[in-house]
PDB file of N, CA and C in Angstrom:
ATOM      1  N   MET A   1     205.616 -17.134  23.729  1.00  0.00           N
ATOM      2  CA  MET A   1     206.732 -18.005  24.007  1.00  0.00           C
ATOM      3  C   MET A   1     207.982 -17.149  24.150  1.00  0.00           C
ATOM      4  N   SER A   2     208.777 -17.402  25.162  1.00  0.00           N
ATOM      5  CA  SER A   2     209.970 -16.612  25.410  1.00  0.00           C
ATOM      6  C   SER A   2     211.091 -17.028  24.475  1.00  0.00           C
ATOM      7  N   ASP A   3     212.035 -16.123  24.294  1.00  0.00           N
ATOM      8  CA  ASP A   3     213.176 -16.340  23.424  1.00  0.00           C
ATOM      9  C   ASP A   3     214.209 -17.212  24.121  1.00  0.00           C
ATOM     10  N   ASN A   4     214.648 -18.266  23.466  1.00  0.00           N
ATOM     11  CA  ASN A   4     215.671 -19.150  24.007  1.00  0.00           C
ATOM     12  C   ASN A   4     217.027 -18.685  23.482  1.00  0.00           C
ATOM     13  N   LYS A   5     217.857 -18.115  24.353  1.00  0.00           N
ATOM     14  CA  LYS A   5     219.150 -17.576  23.943  1.00  0.00           C
ATOM     15  C   LYS A   5     220.120 -18.663  23.499  1.00  0.00           C
ATOM     16  N   GLN A   6     219.863 -19.915  23.868  1.00  0.00           N
ATOM     17  CA  GLN A   6     220.721 -21.025  23.451  1.00  0.00           C
ATOM     18  C   GLN A   6     220.400 -21.478  22.023  1.00  0.00           C
ATOM     19  N   ASN A   7     219.254 -21.079  21.517  1.00  0.00           N
ATOM     20  CA  ASN A   7     218.802 -21.507  20.201  1.00  0.00           C
ATOM     21  C   ASN A   7     218.607 -20.278  19.326  1.00  0.00           C
ATOM     22  N   THR A   8     219.699 -19.743  18.809  1.00  0.00           N
ATOM     23  CA  THR A   8     219.601 -18.556  17.975  1.00  0.00           C
ATOM     24  C   THR A   8     219.459 -18.957  16.518  1.00  0.00           C
ATOM     25  N   GLY A   9     218.818 -18.115  15.767  1.00  0.00           N
ATOM     26  CA  GLY A   9     218.607 -18.389  14.348  1.00  0.00           C
ATOM     27  C   GLY A   9     218.567 -17.092  13.570  1.00  0.00           C
ATOM     28  N   LYS A  10     218.094 -17.169  12.363  1.00  0.00           N
ATOM     29  CA  LYS A  10     218.039 -16.008  11.472  1.00  0.00           C
ATOM     30  C   LYS A  10     217.194 -14.881  12.060  1.00  0.00           C
ATOM     31  N   GLN A  11     216.091 -15.215  12.711  1.00  0.00           N
ATOM     32  CA  GLN A  11     215.236 -14.179  13.298  1.00  0.00           C
ATOM     33  C   GLN A  11     215.999 -13.343  14.319  1.00  0.00           C
ATOM     34  N   ASP A  12     216.905 -13.970  15.063  1.00  0.00           N
ATOM     35  CA  ASP A  12     217.681 -13.234  16.052  1.00  0.00           C
ATOM     36  C   ASP A  12     218.649 -12.270  15.389  1.00  0.00           C
ATOM     37  N   ASP A  13     219.053 -12.570  14.157  1.00  0.00           N
ATOM     38  CA  ASP A  13     219.987 -11.709  13.438  1.00  0.00           C
ATOM     39  C   ASP A  13     219.293 -10.512  12.799  1.00  0.00           C
ATOM     40  N   ILE A  14     218.034 -10.666  12.403  1.00  0.00           N
ATOM     41  CA  ILE A  14     217.393  -9.600  11.636  1.00  0.00           C
ATOM     42  C   ILE A  14     216.435  -8.731  12.451  1.00  0.00           C
ATOM     43  N   ARG A  15     216.080  -9.153  13.653  1.00  0.00           N
ATOM     44  CA  ARG A  15     215.128  -8.398  14.467  1.00  0.00           C
ATOM     45  C   ARG A  15     215.714  -8.021  15.817  1.00  0.00           C
ATOM     46  N   VAL A  16     215.200  -6.935  16.369  1.00  0.00           N
ATOM     47  CA  VAL A  16     215.580  -6.480  17.707  1.00  0.00           C
ATOM     48  C   VAL A  16     214.352  -6.568  18.591  1.00  0.00           C
ATOM     49  N   ASP A  17     214.483  -7.267  19.706  1.00  0.00           N
ATOM     50  CA  ASP A  17     213.396  -7.390  20.670  1.00  0.00           C
ATOM     51  C   ASP A  17     213.550  -6.278  21.701  1.00  0.00           C
ATOM     52  N   LEU A  18     212.661  -5.327  21.659  1.00  0.00           N
ATOM     53  CA  LEU A  18     212.715  -4.178  22.565  1.00  0.00           C
ATOM     54  C   LEU A  18     212.562  -4.588  24.021  1.00  0.00           C
ATOM     55  N   ASN A  19     211.934  -5.719  24.272  1.00  0.00           N
ATOM     56  CA  ASN A  19     211.725  -6.192  25.635  1.00  0.00           C
ATOM     57  C   ASN A  19     212.941  -6.927  26.196  1.00  0.00           C
ATOM     58  N   ASP A  20     213.973  -7.103  25.388  1.00  0.00           N
ATOM     59  CA  ASP A  20     215.184  -7.796  25.817  1.00  0.00           C
ATOM     60  C   ASP A  20     216.292  -6.766  26.045  1.00  0.00           C
ATOM     61  N   PRO A  21     216.609  -6.465  27.295  1.00  0.00           N
ATOM     62  CA  PRO A  21     217.626  -5.446  27.585  1.00  0.00           C
ATOM     63  C   PRO A  21     218.984  -5.753  26.967  1.00  0.00           C
ATOM     64  N   SER A  22     219.321  -7.025  26.781  1.00  0.00           N
ATOM     65  CA  SER A  22     220.624  -7.364  26.202  1.00  0.00           C
ATOM     66  C   SER A  22     220.702  -6.940  24.732  1.00  0.00           C
ATOM     67  N   GLU A  23     219.593  -6.930  24.030  1.00  0.00           N
ATOM     68  CA  GLU A  23     219.608  -6.502  22.633  1.00  0.00           C
ATOM     69  C   GLU A  23     219.757  -4.991  22.519  1.00  0.00           C
ATOM     70  N   VAL A  24     219.120  -4.263  23.423  1.00  0.00           N
ATOM     71  CA  VAL A  24     219.295  -2.810  23.454  1.00  0.00           C
ATOM     72  C   VAL A  24     220.738  -2.477  23.829  1.00  0.00           C
ATOM     73  N   GLU A  25     221.283  -3.196  24.779  1.00  0.00           N
ATOM     74  CA  GLU A  25     222.672  -2.983  25.202  1.00  0.00           C
ATOM     75  C   GLU A  25     223.643  -3.299  24.068  1.00  0.00           C
ATOM     76  N   TYR A  26     223.382  -4.321  23.299  1.00  0.00           N
ATOM     77  CA  TYR A  26     224.235  -4.674  22.165  1.00  0.00           C
ATOM     78  C   TYR A  26     224.282  -3.522  21.160  1.00  0.00           C
ATOM     79  N   LEU A  27     223.126  -2.950  20.840  1.00  0.00           N
ATOM     80  CA  LEU A  27     223.097  -1.810  19.927  1.00  0.00           C
ATOM     81  C   LEU A  27     223.806  -0.603  20.537  1.00  0.00           C
ATOM     82  N   HIS A  28     223.658  -0.428  21.831  1.00  0.00           N
ATOM     83  CA  HIS A  28     224.328   0.687  22.498  1.00  0.00           C
ATOM     84  C   HIS A  28     225.851   0.550  22.390  1.00  0.00           C
ATOM     85  N   ARG A  29     226.356  -0.666  22.500  1.00  0.00           N
ATOM     86  CA  ARG A  29     227.804  -0.875  22.356  1.00  0.00           C
ATOM     87  C   ARG A  29     228.256  -0.590  20.925  1.00  0.00           C
ATOM     88  N   GLN A  30     227.397  -0.835  19.948  1.00  0.00           N
ATOM     89  CA  GLN A  30     227.731  -0.541  18.556  1.00  0.00           C
ATOM     90  C   GLN A  30     227.628   0.950  18.251  1.00  0.00           C
ATOM     91  N   TYR A  31     226.746   1.632  18.957  1.00  0.00           N
ATOM     92  CA  TYR A  31     226.522   3.063  18.759  1.00  0.00           C
ATOM     93  C   TYR A  31     226.626   3.772  20.112  1.00  0.00           C
ATOM     94  N   PRO A  32     227.837   3.864  20.663  1.00  0.00           N
ATOM     95  CA  PRO A  32     227.994   4.406  22.021  1.00  0.00           C
ATOM     96  C   PRO A  32     227.623   5.886  22.151  1.00  0.00           C
ATOM     97  N   HIS A  33     227.558   6.589  21.032  1.00  0.00           N
ATOM     98  CA  HIS A  33     227.156   7.997  21.075  1.00  0.00           C
ATOM     99  C   HIS A  33     225.642   8.162  21.241  1.00  0.00           C
ATOM    100  N   LYS A  34     224.904   7.059  21.139  1.00  0.00           N
ATOM    101  CA  LYS A  34     223.451   7.081  21.342  1.00  0.00           C
ATOM    102  C   LYS A  34     223.121   6.562  22.737  1.00  0.00           C
ATOM    103  N   THR A  35     222.136   7.156  23.368  1.00  0.00           N
ATOM    104  CA  THR A  35     221.703   6.687  24.683  1.00  0.00           C
ATOM    105  C   THR A  35     220.799   5.469  24.508  1.00  0.00           C
ATOM    106  N   HIS A  36     220.587   4.750  25.598  1.00  0.00           N
ATOM    107  CA  HIS A  36     219.675   3.606  25.557  1.00  0.00           C
ATOM    108  C   HIS A  36     218.279   4.062  25.139  1.00  0.00           C
ATOM    109  N   GLU A  37     217.870   5.216  25.624  1.00  0.00           N
ATOM    110  CA  GLU A  37     216.540   5.728  25.285  1.00  0.00           C
ATOM    111  C   GLU A  37     216.442   6.074  23.796  1.00  0.00           C
ATOM    112  N   GLN A  38     217.498   6.642  23.215  1.00  0.00           N
ATOM    113  CA  GLN A  38     217.486   6.947  21.785  1.00  0.00           C
ATOM    114  C   GLN A  38     217.381   5.658  20.962  1.00  0.00           C
ATOM    115  N   ILE A  39     218.026   4.617  21.420  1.00  0.00           N
ATOM    116  CA  ILE A  39     217.946   3.330  20.725  1.00  0.00           C
ATOM    117  C   ILE A  39     216.539   2.757  20.834  1.00  0.00           C
ATOM    118  N   ARG A  40     215.948   2.829  22.024  1.00  0.00           N
ATOM    119  CA  ARG A  40     214.566   2.347  22.194  1.00  0.00           C
ATOM    120  C   ARG A  40     213.608   3.132  21.292  1.00  0.00           C
ATOM    121  N   GLN A  41     213.800   4.438  21.202  1.00  0.00           N
ATOM    122  CA  GLN A  41     212.951   5.281  20.354  1.00  0.00           C
ATOM    123  C   GLN A  41     213.094   4.888  18.892  1.00  0.00           C
ATOM    124  N   ALA A  42     214.320   4.590  18.457  1.00  0.00           N
ATOM    125  CA  ALA A  42     214.547   4.176  17.069  1.00  0.00           C
ATOM    126  C   ALA A  42     213.815   2.869  16.775  1.00  0.00           C
ATOM    127  N   VAL A  43     213.831   1.938  17.719  1.00  0.00           N
ATOM    128  CA  VAL A  43     213.118   0.668  17.529  1.00  0.00           C
ATOM    129  C   VAL A  43     211.622   0.927  17.438  1.00  0.00           C
ATOM    130  N   LYS A  44     211.102   1.773  18.299  1.00  0.00           N
ATOM    131  CA  LYS A  44     209.671   2.087  18.273  1.00  0.00           C
ATOM    132  C   LYS A  44     209.280   2.784  16.975  1.00  0.00           C
ATOM    133  N   GLU A  45     210.131   3.691  16.518  1.00  0.00           N
ATOM    134  CA  GLU A  45     209.808   4.497  15.340  1.00  0.00           C
ATOM    135  C   GLU A  45     210.013   3.744  14.023  1.00  0.00           C
ATOM    136  N   PHE A  46     211.082   2.958  13.926  1.00  0.00           N
ATOM    137  CA  PHE A  46     211.432   2.316  12.660  1.00  0.00           C
ATOM    138  C   PHE A  46     211.132   0.832  12.601  1.00  0.00           C
ATOM    139  N   GLY A  47     210.607   0.274  13.697  1.00  0.00           N
ATOM    140  CA  GLY A  47     210.226  -1.129  13.701  1.00  0.00           C
ATOM    141  C   GLY A  47     211.350  -2.030  14.174  1.00  0.00           C
ATOM    142  N   PRO A  48     211.080  -3.334  14.210  1.00  0.00           N
ATOM    143  CA  PRO A  48     212.020  -4.282  14.811  1.00  0.00           C
ATOM    144  C   PRO A  48     213.148  -4.762  13.898  1.00  0.00           C
ATOM    145  N   LEU A  49     213.135  -4.394  12.622  1.00  0.00           N
ATOM    146  CA  LEU A  49     214.175  -4.888  11.723  1.00  0.00           C
ATOM    147  C   LEU A  49     215.502  -4.184  11.999  1.00  0.00           C
ATOM    148  N   ARG A  50     216.507  -4.991  12.269  1.00  0.00           N
ATOM    149  CA  ARG A  50     217.822  -4.476  12.651  1.00  0.00           C
ATOM    150  C   ARG A  50     218.390  -3.534  11.587  1.00  0.00           C
ATOM    151  N   LYS A  51     218.238  -3.866  10.317  1.00  0.00           N
ATOM    152  CA  LYS A  51     218.805  -3.027   9.260  1.00  0.00           C
ATOM    153  C   LYS A  51     218.177  -1.626   9.257  1.00  0.00           C
ATOM    154  N   ASP A  52     216.889  -1.531   9.520  1.00  0.00           N
ATOM    155  CA  ASP A  52     216.214  -0.233   9.558  1.00  0.00           C
ATOM    156  C   ASP A  52     216.660   0.582  10.767  1.00  0.00           C
ATOM    157  N   ILE A  53     216.817  -0.090  11.888  1.00  0.00           N
ATOM    158  CA  ILE A  53     217.245   0.583  13.116  1.00  0.00           C
ATOM    159  C   ILE A  53     218.670   1.101  12.966  1.00  0.00           C
ATOM    160  N   GLU A  54     219.562   0.262  12.442  1.00  0.00           N
ATOM    161  CA  GLU A  54     220.947   0.673  12.278  1.00  0.00           C
ATOM    162  C   GLU A  54     221.077   1.815  11.274  1.00  0.00           C
ATOM    163  N   LYS A  55     220.278   1.787  10.219  1.00  0.00           N
ATOM    164  CA  LYS A  55     220.275   2.879   9.241  1.00  0.00           C
ATOM    165  C   LYS A  55     219.877   4.195   9.910  1.00  0.00           C
ATOM    166  N   ALA A  56     218.846   4.146  10.747  1.00  0.00           N
ATOM    167  CA  ALA A  56     218.386   5.342  11.459  1.00  0.00           C
ATOM    168  C   ALA A  56     219.429   5.830  12.466  1.00  0.00           C
ATOM    169  N   LEU A  57     220.062   4.911  13.167  1.00  0.00           N
ATOM    170  CA  LEU A  57     221.062   5.310  14.157  1.00  0.00           C
ATOM    171  C   LEU A  57     222.295   5.909  13.492  1.00  0.00           C
ATOM    172  N   LYS A  58     222.661   5.405  12.335  1.00  0.00           N
ATOM    173  CA  LYS A  58     223.812   5.952  11.599  1.00  0.00           C
ATOM    174  C   LYS A  58     223.503   7.344  11.071  1.00  0.00           C
ATOM    175  N   ALA A  59     222.272   7.538  10.601  1.00  0.00           N
ATOM    176  CA  ALA A  59     221.884   8.816  10.000  1.00  0.00           C
ATOM    177  C   ALA A  59     221.712   9.915  11.055  1.00  0.00           C
ATOM    178  N   GLY A  60     221.265   9.535  12.224  1.00  0.00           N
ATOM    179  CA  GLY A  60     220.948  10.554  13.215  1.00  0.00           C
ATOM    180  C   GLY A  60     221.970  10.609  14.228  1.00  0.00           C
TER     181      GLY A  60
END
């Protein structure tokens, strides 16, 4: 089932969908020193939880 952007909830706040370019772009705007590819790699390596991804992006 596809994600309905009009119906956001807690899951949208805590997870990053790697297949959604707008979510990768959102993280890129928060971490402009990281490339889109570095952000995608962080999601692949640390999983979909936003807190884990942001921790990795801040550290590296």
